[in-house]
Each structure stands twice: as C-alpha cells, then as structure tokens.
Amino acid sequence: MKSVAMRRPEQALSNATCREILQKHHEGVLALIDTDGQPYAVPLSYWYHDNTLYFHGAPQGHKMSAVAANPQGSFCVIDRADIHAVEFTTYFKSVIAFGPLTVVRDVAEIKMLMQSFGNHYLPQHEHTVEAFVD
C-alpha cells in the first residue's frame, strides 16, 4: 500500500485508530481512473477484514472497466467532520487507503467472501444470507 506524506503530520491517525474506523463504518468512496483517463469516484459498501478491504459489485460496468484499465485505487472513509465556523474550517477524522485492486474470480472464494460480507452486515440473518449467496 502506498504511503503519502501528510502536509500536517500532527493530524495523522495511528494505524490502530485507522483500523477501528474501517471496522466501524460500512461505506466509503472508491476513486479510480477510468478507461478515458478521467477520475471516477463511486460510493460503495465495504467490509474490512484481516487488514483487507472488500467491495461488492456487479461483474461489469464503469467501475469494473476502470479497475481492468488501471487497478490502482484510493478509498476514503469519513469518521467525523466537525465544522468550526469561527475558524472557517472543518476538522475531518478520516482514513484514506491506496493500493491495487484485485477482482476475485474463483467461485468458491466469492461464495465465502459473500457469506462473510453478508454476515458482517446482517449477523442476525445468517440463514437468509446463506440462502442468498447460494
């Protein structure tokens, strides 16, 4: 994963805090470069597990074309945005991850990940998730 130096390093969050934020939330924005070289940002549901971000989506479309053309991406999750009107600023607490995206194609692995993804979002409906994945 690429590391980008922050302009204000005193605002950097610890790795532990970043993991907590990624585990707490369910949505973020994935930024890609599409087939025409244009930036493309799309809001997505995600699952953070074992230091990996997982996204679910259709096997075709703008996002998948962009990933195929350039698998590098950036994903942003905002934990908090505090507006300070007197200072004319907003203080964000967010995580931005950079790195390559890999499309999972193995059916058994897809089923396992879908089951885990579903159980993460709907732990009280484990049997419904299992039936849907099948």
N, C-alpha and C. Protein backbone atom coordinates (compact mmCIF):
# COMPACT_ATOMS: atom_id res chain seq x y z
N MET A 1 0.84 -1.17 0.00
CA MET A 1 0.00 0.00 0.00
C MET A 1 0.89 1.24 0.00
N LYS A 2 0.56 2.18 -0.82
CA LYS A 2 1.32 3.41 -0.94
C LYS A 2 1.09 4.28 0.30
N SER A 3 2.12 4.96 0.72
CA SER A 3 2.01 5.90 1.82
C SER A 3 2.30 7.29 1.28
N VAL A 4 1.42 8.23 1.57
CA VAL A 4 1.57 9.60 1.09
C VAL A 4 1.83 10.49 2.30
N ALA A 5 2.87 11.30 2.23
CA ALA A 5 3.19 12.20 3.33
C ALA A 5 2.08 13.24 3.49
N MET A 6 1.68 13.44 4.74
CA MET A 6 0.65 14.44 5.03
C MET A 6 1.28 15.82 5.16
N ARG A 7 0.56 16.82 4.72
CA ARG A 7 1.03 18.20 4.86
C ARG A 7 1.10 18.58 6.33
N ARG A 8 0.17 18.06 7.14
CA ARG A 8 0.14 18.33 8.58
C ARG A 8 0.24 17.01 9.33
N PRO A 9 1.44 16.48 9.46
CA PRO A 9 1.63 15.15 10.05
C PRO A 9 1.12 15.02 11.48
N GLU A 10 0.96 16.13 12.18
CA GLU A 10 0.43 16.07 13.55
C GLU A 10 -1.03 15.62 13.58
N GLN A 11 -1.69 15.64 12.43
CA GLN A 11 -3.08 15.20 12.35
C GLN A 11 -3.22 13.74 11.93
N ALA A 12 -2.10 13.08 11.69
CA ALA A 12 -2.14 11.68 11.28
C ALA A 12 -2.73 10.81 12.39
N LEU A 13 -3.52 9.83 12.00
CA LEU A 13 -4.09 8.88 12.95
C LEU A 13 -3.18 7.67 13.07
N SER A 14 -3.21 7.03 14.20
CA SER A 14 -2.42 5.81 14.38
C SER A 14 -3.01 4.69 13.53
N ASN A 15 -2.22 3.67 13.24
CA ASN A 15 -2.73 2.52 12.49
C ASN A 15 -3.90 1.88 13.22
N ALA A 16 -3.83 1.80 14.55
CA ALA A 16 -4.91 1.21 15.34
C ALA A 16 -6.20 2.00 15.18
N THR A 17 -6.11 3.33 15.20
CA THR A 17 -7.30 4.17 15.03
C THR A 17 -7.87 4.01 13.62
N CYS A 18 -7.00 3.93 12.62
CA CYS A 18 -7.46 3.71 11.24
C CYS A 18 -8.22 2.39 11.14
N ARG A 19 -7.68 1.34 11.73
CA ARG A 19 -8.37 0.03 11.71
C ARG A 19 -9.74 0.13 12.40
N GLU A 20 -9.80 0.83 13.53
CA GLU A 20 -11.09 0.99 14.24
C GLU A 20 -12.11 1.70 13.37
N ILE A 21 -11.70 2.74 12.68
CA ILE A 21 -12.61 3.48 11.80
C ILE A 21 -13.09 2.57 10.67
N LEU A 22 -12.18 1.84 10.06
CA LEU A 22 -12.56 0.95 8.95
C LEU A 22 -13.48 -0.16 9.43
N GLN A 23 -13.31 -0.65 10.64
CA GLN A 23 -14.18 -1.70 11.18
C GLN A 23 -15.55 -1.15 11.59
N LYS A 24 -15.61 0.11 11.96
CA LYS A 24 -16.84 0.73 12.47
C LYS A 24 -17.84 1.08 11.36
N HIS A 25 -17.33 1.51 10.23
CA HIS A 25 -18.21 2.02 9.17
C HIS A 25 -18.51 0.96 8.11
N HIS A 26 -19.45 1.31 7.22
CA HIS A 26 -19.90 0.37 6.19
C HIS A 26 -19.82 0.93 4.78
N GLU A 27 -19.52 2.22 4.65
CA GLU A 27 -19.49 2.80 3.31
C GLU A 27 -18.34 3.79 3.20
N GLY A 28 -17.92 3.97 1.97
CA GLY A 28 -16.85 4.92 1.67
C GLY A 28 -16.90 5.23 0.18
N VAL A 29 -15.88 5.93 -0.30
CA VAL A 29 -15.82 6.32 -1.70
C VAL A 29 -14.54 5.77 -2.32
N LEU A 30 -14.71 4.99 -3.38
CA LEU A 30 -13.59 4.42 -4.12
C LEU A 30 -13.28 5.33 -5.30
N ALA A 31 -12.03 5.75 -5.42
CA ALA A 31 -11.60 6.61 -6.52
C ALA A 31 -10.71 5.81 -7.46
N LEU A 32 -11.03 5.89 -8.75
CA LEU A 32 -10.31 5.17 -9.79
C LEU A 32 -10.03 6.12 -10.95
N ILE A 33 -9.26 5.63 -11.92
CA ILE A 33 -9.08 6.32 -13.19
C ILE A 33 -9.76 5.45 -14.25
N ASP A 34 -10.72 6.02 -14.98
CA ASP A 34 -11.48 5.19 -15.92
C ASP A 34 -10.72 4.99 -17.23
N THR A 35 -11.35 4.31 -18.17
CA THR A 35 -10.70 3.94 -19.44
C THR A 35 -10.35 5.15 -20.30
N ASP A 36 -10.99 6.30 -20.04
CA ASP A 36 -10.68 7.53 -20.77
C ASP A 36 -9.66 8.39 -20.02
N GLY A 37 -9.12 7.87 -18.92
CA GLY A 37 -8.16 8.63 -18.13
C GLY A 37 -8.79 9.65 -17.20
N GLN A 38 -10.10 9.58 -17.06
CA GLN A 38 -10.82 10.51 -16.20
C GLN A 38 -10.94 9.95 -14.79
N PRO A 39 -10.91 10.83 -13.77
CA PRO A 39 -11.15 10.36 -12.41
C PRO A 39 -12.59 9.87 -12.28
N TYR A 40 -12.77 8.82 -11.51
CA TYR A 40 -14.11 8.26 -11.28
C TYR A 40 -14.18 7.87 -9.82
N ALA A 41 -15.09 8.48 -9.07
CA ALA A 41 -15.26 8.16 -7.65
C ALA A 41 -16.67 7.63 -7.45
N VAL A 42 -16.78 6.51 -6.76
CA VAL A 42 -18.07 5.86 -6.58
C VAL A 42 -18.25 5.44 -5.12
N PRO A 43 -19.40 5.80 -4.52
CA PRO A 43 -19.66 5.35 -3.15
C PRO A 43 -19.96 3.86 -3.14
N LEU A 44 -19.40 3.18 -2.15
CA LEU A 44 -19.54 1.72 -2.07
C LEU A 44 -19.72 1.25 -0.63
N SER A 45 -20.40 0.13 -0.48
CA SER A 45 -20.37 -0.60 0.77
C SER A 45 -19.07 -1.39 0.77
N TYR A 46 -18.52 -1.59 1.95
CA TYR A 46 -17.27 -2.35 2.03
C TYR A 46 -17.28 -3.18 3.30
N TRP A 47 -16.33 -4.09 3.37
CA TRP A 47 -16.08 -4.90 4.55
C TRP A 47 -14.58 -4.91 4.76
N TYR A 48 -14.16 -4.57 5.97
CA TYR A 48 -12.74 -4.57 6.32
C TYR A 48 -12.48 -5.80 7.19
N HIS A 49 -11.60 -6.67 6.70
CA HIS A 49 -11.32 -7.93 7.41
C HIS A 49 -9.89 -8.36 7.14
N ASP A 50 -9.19 -8.74 8.19
CA ASP A 50 -7.80 -9.21 8.05
C ASP A 50 -6.92 -8.22 7.28
N ASN A 51 -7.05 -6.94 7.61
CA ASN A 51 -6.24 -5.89 7.00
C ASN A 51 -6.47 -5.74 5.50
N THR A 52 -7.65 -6.15 5.04
CA THR A 52 -8.00 -6.06 3.63
C THR A 52 -9.38 -5.42 3.49
N LEU A 53 -9.54 -4.58 2.49
CA LEU A 53 -10.84 -4.00 2.17
C LEU A 53 -11.49 -4.84 1.07
N TYR A 54 -12.76 -5.20 1.28
CA TYR A 54 -13.52 -5.96 0.29
C TYR A 54 -14.71 -5.12 -0.17
N PHE A 55 -14.94 -5.12 -1.48
CA PHE A 55 -16.06 -4.40 -2.08
C PHE A 55 -16.91 -5.41 -2.83
N HIS A 56 -18.21 -5.15 -2.89
CA HIS A 56 -19.10 -6.00 -3.65
C HIS A 56 -19.68 -5.17 -4.79
N GLY A 57 -19.79 -5.79 -5.95
CA GLY A 57 -20.36 -5.07 -7.07
C GLY A 57 -20.63 -6.00 -8.24
N ALA A 58 -21.28 -5.46 -9.23
CA ALA A 58 -21.60 -6.22 -10.44
C ALA A 58 -20.31 -6.56 -11.19
N PRO A 59 -20.31 -7.67 -11.93
CA PRO A 59 -19.10 -8.07 -12.65
C PRO A 59 -18.79 -7.23 -13.89
N GLN A 60 -19.66 -6.30 -14.24
CA GLN A 60 -19.39 -5.41 -15.37
C GLN A 60 -19.91 -4.02 -15.04
N GLY A 61 -19.48 -3.06 -15.83
CA GLY A 61 -19.91 -1.68 -15.61
C GLY A 61 -18.70 -0.75 -15.57
N HIS A 62 -18.97 0.52 -15.32
CA HIS A 62 -17.95 1.56 -15.34
C HIS A 62 -16.83 1.25 -14.34
N LYS A 63 -17.20 0.87 -13.12
CA LYS A 63 -16.20 0.58 -12.09
C LYS A 63 -15.28 -0.56 -12.52
N MET A 64 -15.85 -1.64 -13.01
CA MET A 64 -15.04 -2.81 -13.39
C MET A 64 -14.18 -2.51 -14.61
N SER A 65 -14.68 -1.71 -15.54
CA SER A 65 -13.86 -1.30 -16.69
C SER A 65 -12.67 -0.47 -16.22
N ALA A 66 -12.92 0.41 -15.26
CA ALA A 66 -11.84 1.25 -14.73
C ALA A 66 -10.79 0.40 -14.02
N VAL A 67 -11.23 -0.56 -13.22
CA VAL A 67 -10.30 -1.44 -12.50
C VAL A 67 -9.47 -2.25 -13.50
N ALA A 68 -10.10 -2.73 -14.56
CA ALA A 68 -9.39 -3.51 -15.57
C ALA A 68 -8.33 -2.64 -16.28
N ALA A 69 -8.65 -1.37 -16.53
CA ALA A 69 -7.73 -0.47 -17.23
C ALA A 69 -6.58 -0.02 -16.32
N ASN A 70 -6.89 0.19 -15.05
CA ASN A 70 -5.87 0.66 -14.11
C ASN A 70 -6.29 0.19 -12.71
N PRO A 71 -5.68 -0.87 -12.20
CA PRO A 71 -6.13 -1.43 -10.93
C PRO A 71 -5.75 -0.64 -9.68
N GLN A 72 -5.05 0.48 -9.83
CA GLN A 72 -4.72 1.30 -8.66
C GLN A 72 -5.93 2.11 -8.24
N GLY A 73 -6.16 2.17 -6.93
CA GLY A 73 -7.30 2.92 -6.43
C GLY A 73 -7.01 3.59 -5.11
N SER A 74 -7.94 4.41 -4.70
CA SER A 74 -7.89 5.09 -3.42
C SER A 74 -9.28 4.98 -2.82
N PHE A 75 -9.35 4.68 -1.52
CA PHE A 75 -10.64 4.50 -0.85
C PHE A 75 -10.66 5.39 0.39
N CYS A 76 -11.74 6.16 0.56
CA CYS A 76 -11.86 7.11 1.66
C CYS A 76 -13.08 6.81 2.51
N VAL A 77 -12.87 6.78 3.82
CA VAL A 77 -13.96 6.63 4.79
C VAL A 77 -13.87 7.81 5.76
N ILE A 78 -14.97 8.56 5.89
CA ILE A 78 -15.01 9.69 6.81
C ILE A 78 -15.67 9.24 8.11
N ASP A 79 -14.95 9.37 9.21
CA ASP A 79 -15.48 9.01 10.52
C ASP A 79 -16.22 10.19 11.14
N ARG A 80 -15.67 11.39 10.95
CA ARG A 80 -16.27 12.56 11.59
C ARG A 80 -15.84 13.81 10.83
N ALA A 81 -16.74 14.78 10.78
CA ALA A 81 -16.42 16.09 10.19
C ALA A 81 -16.99 17.16 11.11
N ASP A 82 -16.11 17.82 11.84
CA ASP A 82 -16.53 18.86 12.78
C ASP A 82 -16.33 20.23 12.14
N ILE A 83 -17.44 20.96 11.98
CA ILE A 83 -17.39 22.29 11.38
C ILE A 83 -17.09 23.31 12.47
N HIS A 84 -16.06 24.12 12.22
CA HIS A 84 -15.68 25.20 13.12
C HIS A 84 -15.86 26.51 12.36
N ALA A 85 -17.07 27.08 12.47
CA ALA A 85 -17.44 28.25 11.69
C ALA A 85 -16.53 29.44 11.97
N VAL A 86 -16.16 29.65 13.23
CA VAL A 86 -15.33 30.80 13.58
C VAL A 86 -13.99 30.74 12.87
N GLU A 87 -13.47 29.52 12.68
CA GLU A 87 -12.18 29.34 12.02
C GLU A 87 -12.32 29.15 10.50
N PHE A 88 -13.56 29.12 10.00
CA PHE A 88 -13.83 28.84 8.59
C PHE A 88 -13.17 27.55 8.13
N THR A 89 -13.35 26.49 8.92
CA THR A 89 -12.72 25.22 8.55
C THR A 89 -13.56 24.06 9.07
N THR A 90 -13.25 22.89 8.55
CA THR A 90 -13.84 21.64 9.02
C THR A 90 -12.70 20.72 9.40
N TYR A 91 -12.80 20.14 10.57
CA TYR A 91 -11.81 19.16 11.01
C TYR A 91 -12.35 17.77 10.71
N PHE A 92 -11.64 17.05 9.85
CA PHE A 92 -12.05 15.71 9.46
C PHE A 92 -11.27 14.66 10.24
N LYS A 93 -11.92 13.57 10.51
CA LYS A 93 -11.25 12.36 11.00
C LYS A 93 -11.61 11.31 9.96
N SER A 94 -10.62 10.91 9.18
CA SER A 94 -10.90 10.02 8.05
C SER A 94 -9.72 9.10 7.79
N VAL A 95 -10.00 8.07 7.01
CA VAL A 95 -8.97 7.13 6.57
C VAL A 95 -8.97 7.13 5.05
N ILE A 96 -7.79 7.21 4.46
CA ILE A 96 -7.65 7.07 3.01
C ILE A 96 -6.64 5.96 2.77
N ALA A 97 -7.08 4.94 2.05
CA ALA A 97 -6.21 3.81 1.72
C ALA A 97 -5.89 3.85 0.23
N PHE A 98 -4.67 3.49 -0.11
CA PHE A 98 -4.22 3.45 -1.50
C PHE A 98 -3.73 2.05 -1.81
N GLY A 99 -3.89 1.61 -3.04
CA GLY A 99 -3.31 0.34 -3.42
C GLY A 99 -3.99 -0.28 -4.62
N PRO A 100 -3.48 -1.44 -5.03
CA PRO A 100 -4.06 -2.14 -6.17
C PRO A 100 -5.34 -2.87 -5.78
N LEU A 101 -6.26 -2.96 -6.73
CA LEU A 101 -7.50 -3.72 -6.54
C LEU A 101 -7.38 -5.03 -7.30
N THR A 102 -7.87 -6.08 -6.70
CA THR A 102 -7.85 -7.40 -7.31
C THR A 102 -9.28 -7.90 -7.41
N VAL A 103 -9.67 -8.35 -8.58
CA VAL A 103 -11.01 -8.91 -8.77
C VAL A 103 -10.95 -10.40 -8.44
N VAL A 104 -11.81 -10.83 -7.54
CA VAL A 104 -11.88 -12.24 -7.17
C VAL A 104 -12.74 -12.95 -8.21
N ARG A 105 -12.21 -14.01 -8.79
CA ARG A 105 -12.93 -14.73 -9.84
C ARG A 105 -13.26 -16.18 -9.45
N ASP A 106 -12.58 -16.71 -8.46
CA ASP A 106 -12.81 -18.08 -8.02
C ASP A 106 -14.17 -18.17 -7.32
N VAL A 107 -15.06 -19.02 -7.84
CA VAL A 107 -16.44 -19.11 -7.34
C VAL A 107 -16.49 -19.49 -5.86
N ALA A 108 -15.68 -20.43 -5.44
CA ALA A 108 -15.68 -20.83 -4.03
C ALA A 108 -15.25 -19.67 -3.13
N GLU A 109 -14.23 -18.93 -3.57
CA GLU A 109 -13.77 -17.79 -2.78
C GLU A 109 -14.83 -16.68 -2.77
N ILE A 110 -15.49 -16.46 -3.90
CA ILE A 110 -16.57 -15.47 -3.97
C ILE A 110 -17.67 -15.82 -2.98
N LYS A 111 -18.07 -17.09 -2.97
CA LYS A 111 -19.14 -17.51 -2.05
C LYS A 111 -18.73 -17.30 -0.60
N MET A 112 -17.50 -17.66 -0.26
CA MET A 112 -17.01 -17.50 1.10
C MET A 112 -16.99 -16.02 1.50
N LEU A 113 -16.49 -15.17 0.59
CA LEU A 113 -16.43 -13.74 0.88
C LEU A 113 -17.82 -13.12 0.96
N MET A 114 -18.72 -13.53 0.08
CA MET A 114 -20.09 -13.02 0.12
C MET A 114 -20.78 -13.41 1.42
N GLN A 115 -20.56 -14.65 1.86
CA GLN A 115 -21.13 -15.11 3.13
C GLN A 115 -20.59 -14.26 4.27
N SER A 116 -19.29 -14.02 4.29
CA SER A 116 -18.67 -13.21 5.35
C SER A 116 -19.16 -11.77 5.29
N PHE A 117 -19.25 -11.22 4.09
CA PHE A 117 -19.73 -9.85 3.88
C PHE A 117 -21.16 -9.73 4.40
N GLY A 118 -22.01 -10.67 4.02
CA GLY A 118 -23.41 -10.67 4.46
C GLY A 118 -23.54 -10.82 5.96
N ASN A 119 -22.76 -11.72 6.55
CA ASN A 119 -22.83 -11.91 8.00
C ASN A 119 -22.34 -10.67 8.75
N HIS A 120 -21.41 -9.96 8.14
CA HIS A 120 -20.91 -8.71 8.74
C HIS A 120 -22.04 -7.68 8.81
N TYR A 121 -22.79 -7.54 7.72
CA TYR A 121 -23.86 -6.54 7.66
C TYR A 121 -25.14 -7.00 8.36
N LEU A 122 -25.42 -8.28 8.29
CA LEU A 122 -26.68 -8.80 8.82
C LEU A 122 -26.44 -10.02 9.72
N PRO A 123 -25.74 -9.84 10.84
CA PRO A 123 -25.40 -11.01 11.67
C PRO A 123 -26.64 -11.73 12.21
N GLN A 124 -27.76 -11.04 12.35
CA GLN A 124 -28.98 -11.66 12.86
C GLN A 124 -29.73 -12.45 11.79
N HIS A 125 -29.27 -12.41 10.54
CA HIS A 125 -29.95 -13.10 9.43
C HIS A 125 -29.01 -14.05 8.71
N GLU A 126 -28.23 -14.80 9.46
CA GLU A 126 -27.21 -15.68 8.88
C GLU A 126 -27.80 -16.67 7.87
N HIS A 127 -28.96 -17.25 8.17
CA HIS A 127 -29.55 -18.24 7.25
C HIS A 127 -30.06 -17.58 5.97
N THR A 128 -30.59 -16.38 6.07
CA THR A 128 -31.05 -15.64 4.89
C THR A 128 -29.86 -15.31 3.99
N VAL A 129 -28.76 -14.89 4.61
CA VAL A 129 -27.55 -14.56 3.85
C VAL A 129 -27.05 -15.81 3.12
N GLU A 130 -27.02 -16.93 3.83
CA GLU A 130 -26.54 -18.19 3.23
C GLU A 130 -27.40 -18.57 2.03
N ALA A 131 -28.71 -18.45 2.15
CA ALA A 131 -29.62 -18.78 1.05
C ALA A 131 -29.40 -17.83 -0.14
N PHE A 132 -29.20 -16.55 0.15
CA PHE A 132 -28.97 -15.56 -0.91
C PHE A 132 -27.67 -15.87 -1.65
N VAL A 133 -26.61 -16.17 -0.91
CA VAL A 133 -25.31 -16.44 -1.53
C VAL A 133 -25.39 -17.68 -2.41
N ASP A 134 -26.09 -18.71 -1.95
CA ASP A 134 -26.24 -19.91 -2.77
C ASP A 134 -26.97 -19.61 -4.06
